Amino acid sequence: MSPARTRILQSQRQPLPQPWLEDCLRSVRDWAGERGYEYRFIGNEFFGILPSELQPLADSQAVIASDLARLRWLQHYRERTGDRVLWLDADVLVFDPQGFELPDTACAVGREVWIDHDRRGRIKTWRKVHNAFLMFAEGDSLLDFYADSAERLLRLNPGPKPPQFIGPKLLTALHSLSAFPVLESAAMFSPLLLRDLLGEPEAAGAIECFEKHSVAPPAAANLCSSSIERGDLDNLRMQQAIERLLQQRGLRPR
């Protein structure tokens, strides 16, 4: 089912808003190079692929604009080249490149096992899918449907929208109906999970809970750069978490 080539797409505004993002970007470039995949970093032209009437979203709600722009760029390259195309967010770290194997399916999305405290301070798990990793091969029908549905929702809802409106929220809703293939090793790490990785006592148990609700060991993960903006983590602790993940090739030493 795999086409002749695989093309990896990434984008991030320059200069990088957090210094550790370069470690993430490098990990993806290295992984792509080792696998013989094409790599394309999309620069300032990233939002230019959006229709003119949706261009203001790039300034007012950049996360939502990015969720649509990535789909249109994936369409652009798949239609132009026939390649299998992948999107990886700039804050995705590939810490186990040998274990990060792409599935032999027409499409795949990432797995979100989100670990956090509930209102009573107990560790709780939310299990969804995410769009920080997306894969579409020739012959897949999801990409066009997802992109067109996302744009239609934006046109029907011109006011302020939650950041995950056409990203994980829409993708998880569609997944609940259609059960898309999921690359379980393409994970998402919550701030609480990373704090447990660093040995912070108040986060103890987060890794155990993550492993209990995960189907496969993670090999790459979205590190949620928005957690820095919210103050859930700082750049120093994120850098320390990255170094530990790369050293251990995962959440626990091997």
Protein backbone atom coordinates (compact mmCIF):
# COMPACT_ATOMS: atom_id res chain seq x y z
CA MET A 1 0.00 0.00 0.00
CA SER A 2 2.94 2.32 0.55
CA PRO A 3 3.73 4.67 -2.36
CA ALA A 4 7.21 5.10 -3.78
CA ARG A 5 8.03 8.02 -1.47
CA THR A 6 7.06 9.36 1.91
CA ARG A 7 7.10 13.12 2.54
CA ILE A 8 7.24 14.67 6.02
CA LEU A 9 5.80 18.18 6.47
CA GLN A 10 6.48 20.53 9.38
CA SER A 11 6.14 24.24 10.06
CA GLN A 12 6.86 26.69 12.88
CA ARG A 13 7.16 30.43 13.09
CA GLN A 14 10.67 31.85 13.17
CA PRO A 15 12.51 32.58 15.35
CA LEU A 16 11.44 29.59 17.41
CA PRO A 17 9.29 30.67 20.38
CA GLN A 18 10.99 28.10 22.65
CA PRO A 19 14.63 26.99 22.28
CA TRP A 20 13.92 23.29 22.90
CA LEU A 21 11.76 23.13 19.77
CA GLU A 22 14.98 22.82 17.76
CA ASP A 23 15.63 19.48 19.50
CA CYS A 24 12.18 18.31 18.42
CA LEU A 25 12.60 19.47 14.83
CA ARG A 26 16.04 17.88 14.63
CA SER A 27 14.70 14.57 15.93
CA VAL A 28 12.13 14.48 13.12
CA ARG A 29 14.66 15.49 10.45
CA ASP A 30 17.08 12.81 11.65
CA TRP A 31 14.36 10.16 11.73
CA ALA A 32 13.21 11.11 8.23
CA GLY A 33 16.80 11.02 6.95
CA GLU A 34 17.44 7.59 8.46
CA ARG A 35 14.28 6.23 6.79
CA GLY A 36 14.99 7.85 3.43
CA TYR A 37 11.88 10.03 3.63
CA GLU A 38 11.57 13.42 1.95
CA TYR A 39 11.46 16.32 4.41
CA ARG A 40 9.84 19.71 3.81
CA PHE A 41 9.81 22.59 6.29
CA ILE A 42 7.15 25.12 5.36
CA GLY A 43 8.14 28.66 6.28
CA ASN A 44 6.33 31.99 6.14
CA GLU A 45 4.12 30.76 3.30
CA PHE A 46 2.37 28.32 5.66
CA PHE A 47 -0.87 30.29 6.16
CA GLY A 48 -0.89 31.50 2.55
CA ILE A 49 -2.63 28.30 1.49
CA LEU A 50 -5.80 29.31 3.33
CA PRO A 51 -8.64 30.98 1.39
CA SER A 52 -8.54 34.76 1.62
CA GLU A 53 -11.65 35.05 3.80
CA LEU A 54 -10.08 32.76 6.44
CA GLN A 55 -6.67 34.45 6.41
CA PRO A 56 -7.53 36.65 9.45
CA LEU A 57 -7.60 33.49 11.58
CA ALA A 58 -3.80 33.36 11.32
CA ASP A 59 -3.70 36.49 13.51
CA SER A 60 -6.74 35.99 15.73
CA GLN A 61 -6.71 32.20 16.27
CA ALA A 62 -3.44 30.82 14.94
CA VAL A 63 -3.97 27.31 16.35
CA ILE A 64 -7.22 26.90 14.43
CA ALA A 65 -5.69 28.38 11.28
CA SER A 66 -2.81 25.93 11.59
CA ASP A 67 -5.17 22.97 11.90
CA LEU A 68 -6.73 23.80 8.53
CA ALA A 69 -3.50 24.91 6.83
CA ARG A 70 -1.76 21.60 7.57
CA LEU A 71 -4.61 19.71 5.90
CA ARG A 72 -4.45 21.88 2.79
CA TRP A 73 -0.65 21.46 2.55
CA LEU A 74 -1.01 17.71 2.93
CA GLN A 75 -3.56 17.73 0.11
CA HIS A 76 -1.29 19.92 -2.00
CA TYR A 77 1.70 17.58 -1.80
CA ARG A 78 -0.27 14.35 -2.10
CA GLU A 79 -2.11 15.58 -5.19
CA ARG A 80 1.02 17.03 -6.78
CA THR A 81 3.40 14.15 -6.11
CA GLY A 82 1.34 11.08 -5.24
CA ASP A 83 3.58 10.66 -2.17
CA ARG A 84 2.44 9.33 1.14
CA VAL A 85 2.33 12.51 3.24
CA LEU A 86 2.83 13.01 6.97
CA TRP A 87 2.32 15.97 9.24
CA LEU A 88 4.24 16.23 12.51
CA ASP A 89 3.83 19.23 14.80
CA ALA A 90 7.01 21.17 15.58
CA ASP A 91 6.78 20.10 19.24
CA VAL A 92 6.77 16.38 18.42
CA LEU A 93 9.90 14.63 19.68
CA VAL A 94 10.99 11.34 18.10
CA PHE A 95 12.90 9.77 20.99
CA ASP A 96 12.85 6.14 19.77
CA PRO A 97 13.48 6.38 16.01
CA GLN A 98 13.77 2.61 15.58
CA GLY A 99 10.42 2.08 17.27
CA PHE A 100 8.65 4.79 15.29
CA GLU A 101 7.33 2.63 12.45
CA LEU A 102 4.67 3.87 10.06
CA PRO A 103 1.72 1.54 9.56
CA ASP A 104 0.85 -0.04 6.23
CA THR A 105 -2.54 1.66 6.09
CA ALA A 106 -4.06 4.33 3.86
CA CYS A 107 -4.24 6.80 6.74
CA ALA A 108 -3.40 7.10 10.42
CA VAL A 109 -3.81 9.59 13.25
CA GLY A 110 -2.02 9.96 16.58
CA ARG A 111 -3.08 8.64 19.98
CA GLU A 112 -3.83 10.95 22.90
CA VAL A 113 -3.77 9.43 26.37
CA TRP A 114 -4.04 12.58 28.46
CA ILE A 115 -3.14 12.31 32.13
CA ASP A 116 -4.14 15.02 34.58
CA HIS A 117 -5.69 15.58 37.99
CA ASP A 118 -9.45 15.81 38.28
CA ARG A 119 -11.20 18.38 40.46
CA ARG A 120 -10.59 16.24 43.54
CA GLY A 121 -6.87 15.97 42.84
CA ARG A 122 -7.04 12.36 41.64
CA ILE A 123 -5.17 11.22 38.53
CA LYS A 124 -7.55 10.78 35.62
CA THR A 125 -7.17 9.62 32.01
CA TRP A 126 -8.81 10.98 28.87
CA ARG A 127 -8.31 8.77 25.78
CA LYS A 128 -8.73 10.42 22.37
CA VAL A 129 -6.91 10.88 19.06
CA HIS A 130 -4.84 13.87 17.97
CA ASN A 131 -3.72 15.67 14.81
CA ALA A 132 -0.09 16.37 15.84
CA PHE A 133 0.63 13.26 13.75
CA LEU A 134 -1.31 12.70 10.54
CA MET A 135 -0.57 10.28 7.70
CA PHE A 136 -2.35 9.96 4.36
CA ALA A 137 -1.41 7.76 1.40
CA GLU A 138 -2.73 7.77 -2.13
CA GLY A 139 -6.18 6.22 -2.23
CA ASP A 140 -7.17 7.47 1.22
CA SER A 141 -10.51 9.31 1.46
CA LEU A 142 -10.20 10.76 4.97
CA LEU A 143 -7.93 13.73 4.16
CA ASP A 144 -10.29 15.38 1.68
CA PHE A 145 -13.34 14.76 3.86
CA TYR A 146 -11.61 16.03 7.01
CA ALA A 147 -10.21 19.15 5.32
CA ASP A 148 -13.51 20.08 3.66
CA SER A 149 -15.49 19.44 6.86
CA ALA A 150 -13.06 21.58 8.87
CA GLU A 151 -13.29 24.50 6.46
CA ARG A 152 -17.08 24.23 6.33
CA LEU A 153 -17.28 24.40 10.13
CA LEU A 154 -15.10 27.50 10.17
CA ARG A 155 -17.32 29.23 7.63
CA LEU A 156 -20.46 28.30 9.57
CA ASN A 157 -18.99 29.54 12.88
CA PRO A 158 -17.36 32.93 12.22
CA GLY A 159 -17.04 33.98 15.88
CA PRO A 160 -14.46 32.92 18.50
CA LYS A 161 -13.93 29.17 18.72
CA PRO A 162 -12.14 26.85 21.18
CA PRO A 163 -8.54 26.16 20.09
CA GLN A 164 -9.18 22.45 19.38
CA PHE A 165 -12.35 23.15 17.38
CA ILE A 166 -11.28 21.56 14.07
CA GLY A 167 -8.24 19.76 15.48
CA PRO A 168 -8.50 17.04 18.15
CA LYS A 169 -12.18 17.78 18.92
CA LEU A 170 -13.38 17.28 15.35
CA LEU A 171 -10.94 14.45 14.65
CA THR A 172 -11.98 12.57 17.81
CA ALA A 173 -15.67 13.03 16.93
CA LEU A 174 -15.09 11.63 13.44
CA HIS A 175 -12.96 8.82 14.86
CA SER A 176 -15.74 7.80 17.26
CA LEU A 177 -17.96 7.22 14.21
CA SER A 178 -15.47 5.77 11.73
CA ALA A 179 -12.64 4.23 13.80
CA PHE A 180 -9.65 5.49 11.80
CA PRO A 181 -6.35 3.62 12.01
CA VAL A 182 -4.35 4.96 14.96
CA LEU A 183 -0.56 4.89 15.26
CA GLU A 184 -0.40 4.12 18.97
CA SER A 185 3.31 4.97 19.19
CA ALA A 186 2.58 8.57 18.07
CA ALA A 187 1.65 9.81 21.53
CA MET A 188 0.89 13.03 23.36
CA PHE A 189 2.46 13.81 26.73
CA SER A 190 0.64 16.01 29.23
CA PRO A 191 2.53 18.34 31.59
CA LEU A 192 1.69 16.05 34.52
CA LEU A 193 3.26 13.09 32.70
CA LEU A 194 6.46 15.04 32.01
CA ARG A 195 6.61 16.20 35.61
CA ASP A 196 6.40 12.57 36.75
CA LEU A 197 9.23 11.78 34.32
CA LEU A 198 11.29 14.42 36.14
CA GLY A 199 10.49 12.89 39.52
CA GLU A 200 8.23 15.62 40.92
CA PRO A 201 6.36 14.08 43.90
CA GLU A 202 2.99 15.71 43.19
CA ALA A 203 2.95 14.07 39.75
CA ALA A 204 3.76 10.56 40.98
CA GLY A 205 1.68 7.86 39.32
CA ALA A 206 1.13 9.67 36.02
CA ILE A 207 3.48 7.40 34.04
CA GLU A 208 1.93 4.28 35.53
CA CYS A 209 -1.54 5.54 34.59
CA PHE A 210 -0.38 6.39 31.06
CA GLU A 211 1.09 2.93 30.57
CA LYS A 212 -2.05 1.26 31.91
CA HIS A 213 -4.22 2.98 29.29
CA SER A 214 -1.79 2.75 26.35
CA VAL A 215 -1.84 -0.03 23.76
CA ALA A 216 1.82 0.29 22.74
CA PRO A 217 4.96 2.01 24.06
CA PRO A 218 5.36 5.55 22.72
CA ALA A 219 8.21 6.20 20.27
CA ALA A 220 7.37 9.85 19.52
CA ALA A 221 5.21 12.34 21.36
CA ASN A 222 3.73 15.78 21.07
CA LEU A 223 5.13 17.68 24.07
CA CYS A 224 2.42 20.35 24.08
CA SER A 225 4.32 23.62 23.81
CA SER A 226 1.13 25.39 24.92
CA SER A 227 1.88 24.10 28.43
CA ILE A 228 4.73 26.63 28.56
CA GLU A 229 2.36 29.47 27.71
CA ARG A 230 -0.11 28.30 30.37
CA GLY A 231 2.65 28.04 32.99
CA ASP A 232 2.18 24.29 33.55
CA LEU A 233 5.87 23.79 32.69
CA ASP A 234 8.83 26.07 32.02
CA ASN A 235 11.51 25.87 29.33
CA LEU A 236 14.11 24.47 31.73
CA ARG A 237 11.97 21.55 32.84
CA MET A 238 10.91 20.87 29.26
CA GLN A 239 14.56 20.73 28.18
CA GLN A 240 15.32 18.36 31.04
CA ALA A 241 12.39 16.14 30.05
CA ILE A 242 13.60 16.04 26.44
CA GLU A 243 17.09 15.05 27.50
CA ARG A 244 15.72 12.25 29.66
CA LEU A 245 13.39 10.96 26.94
CA LEU A 246 16.24 10.87 24.42
CA GLN A 247 18.57 9.16 26.89
CA GLN A 248 16.03 6.54 27.95
CA ARG A 249 14.28 6.27 24.55
CA GLY A 250 11.01 6.54 26.43
CA LEU A 251 9.31 7.22 29.74
CA ARG A 252 11.30 4.52 31.57
CA PRO A 253 14.92 3.38 31.23
CA ARG A 254 15.48 0.40 28.93
